[in-house]
Amino acid sequence: MLSWVVTFLVIALIAGILGFGGLAGASIEIAKIIFFIAVVLFLVSAVVGLARGRNRV
């Protein structure tokens, strides 16, 4: 999922250099959204992994 973030960031940088401001802004926003979704999914999986790893006595 983070590869998508990098892809959109590269698209935004290239679009910004070439002068396509609207496309660059949209790509940055998409990259931010995907990044935060990836962070949330990572945190959820970490919490679930810790909860399953504990033995209840």
C-alpha atoms as a PDB file:
ATOM      1  CA  MET A   1       0.000   0.000   0.000  1.00  0.00           C
ATOM      2  CA  LEU A   2       2.881   2.327   0.678  1.00  0.00           C
ATOM      3  CA  SER A   3       4.057   1.774  -2.893  1.00  0.00           C
ATOM      4  CA  TRP A   4       0.856   3.539  -4.002  1.00  0.00           C
ATOM      5  CA  VAL A   5       1.780   6.471  -1.781  1.00  0.00           C
ATOM      6  CA  VAL A   6       5.213   6.697  -3.379  1.00  0.00           C
ATOM      7  CA  THR A   7       3.661   6.407  -6.852  1.00  0.00           C
ATOM      8  CA  PHE A   8       1.267   9.287  -6.235  1.00  0.00           C
ATOM      9  CA  LEU A   9       4.041  11.390  -4.708  1.00  0.00           C
ATOM     10  CA  VAL A  10       6.202  10.861  -7.802  1.00  0.00           C
ATOM     11  CA  ILE A  11       3.254  11.764 -10.043  1.00  0.00           C
ATOM     12  CA  ALA A  12       2.695  14.900  -7.971  1.00  0.00           C
ATOM     13  CA  LEU A  13       6.344  15.913  -8.169  1.00  0.00           C
ATOM     14  CA  ILE A  14       6.500  15.407 -11.934  1.00  0.00           C
ATOM     15  CA  ALA A  15       3.197  17.241 -12.431  1.00  0.00           C
ATOM     16  CA  GLY A  16       4.400  20.088 -10.220  1.00  0.00           C
ATOM     17  CA  ILE A  17       7.639  20.424 -12.152  1.00  0.00           C
ATOM     18  CA  LEU A  18       5.753  20.446 -15.467  1.00  0.00           C
ATOM     19  CA  GLY A  19       3.314  23.078 -14.210  1.00  0.00           C
ATOM     20  CA  PHE A  20       0.164  20.999 -13.748  1.00  0.00           C
ATOM     21  CA  GLY A  21      -0.823  22.434 -10.372  1.00  0.00           C
ATOM     22  CA  GLY A  22      -4.271  20.872 -10.177  1.00  0.00           C
ATOM     23  CA  LEU A  23      -3.009  17.385 -10.936  1.00  0.00           C
ATOM     24  CA  ALA A  24      -0.142  17.786  -8.489  1.00  0.00           C
ATOM     25  CA  GLY A  25      -2.475  18.902  -5.711  1.00  0.00           C
ATOM     26  CA  ALA A  26      -4.881  16.040  -6.340  1.00  0.00           C
ATOM     27  CA  SER A  27      -2.045  13.502  -6.351  1.00  0.00           C
ATOM     28  CA  ILE A  28      -0.697  14.835  -3.059  1.00  0.00           C
ATOM     29  CA  GLU A  29      -4.143  14.577  -1.449  1.00  0.00           C
ATOM     30  CA  ILE A  30      -4.585  11.000  -2.686  1.00  0.00           C
ATOM     31  CA  ALA A  31      -1.121  10.100  -1.382  1.00  0.00           C
ATOM     32  CA  LYS A  32      -1.959  11.583   2.039  1.00  0.00           C
ATOM     33  CA  ILE A  33      -5.243   9.678   2.257  1.00  0.00           C
ATOM     34  CA  ILE A  34      -3.632   6.369   1.289  1.00  0.00           C
ATOM     35  CA  PHE A  35      -0.786   6.975   3.748  1.00  0.00           C
ATOM     36  CA  PHE A  36      -3.145   7.575   6.664  1.00  0.00           C
ATOM     37  CA  ILE A  37      -5.213   4.513   5.727  1.00  0.00           C
ATOM     38  CA  ALA A  38      -2.000   2.448   5.731  1.00  0.00           C
ATOM     39  CA  VAL A  39      -1.030   3.801   9.160  1.00  0.00           C
ATOM     40  CA  VAL A  40      -4.471   3.012  10.600  1.00  0.00           C
ATOM     41  CA  LEU A  41      -4.415  -0.513   9.150  1.00  0.00           C
ATOM     42  CA  PHE A  42      -0.946  -1.062  10.591  1.00  0.00           C
ATOM     43  CA  LEU A  43      -2.045   0.055  14.049  1.00  0.00           C
ATOM     44  CA  VAL A  44      -5.159  -2.128  13.934  1.00  0.00           C
ATOM     45  CA  SER A  45      -3.151  -5.170  12.888  1.00  0.00           C
ATOM     46  CA  ALA A  46      -0.567  -4.485  15.612  1.00  0.00           C
ATOM     47  CA  VAL A  47      -3.256  -4.271  18.304  1.00  0.00           C
ATOM     48  CA  VAL A  48      -4.975  -7.436  17.055  1.00  0.00           C
ATOM     49  CA  GLY A  49      -1.612  -9.245  16.934  1.00  0.00           C
ATOM     50  CA  LEU A  50      -0.816  -8.234  20.494  1.00  0.00           C
ATOM     51  CA  ALA A  51      -4.270  -9.249  21.705  1.00  0.00           C
ATOM     52  CA  ARG A  52      -4.045 -12.686  20.067  1.00  0.00           C
ATOM     53  CA  GLY A  53      -0.509 -13.280  21.273  1.00  0.00           C
ATOM     54  CA  ARG A  54      -1.392 -13.099  24.941  1.00  0.00           C
ATOM     55  CA  ASN A  55      -2.316 -16.239  26.838  1.00  0.00           C
ATOM     56  CA  ARG A  56      -5.204 -15.721  29.204  1.00  0.00           C
ATOM     57  CA  VAL A  57      -4.917 -17.509  32.533  1.00  0.00           C
END
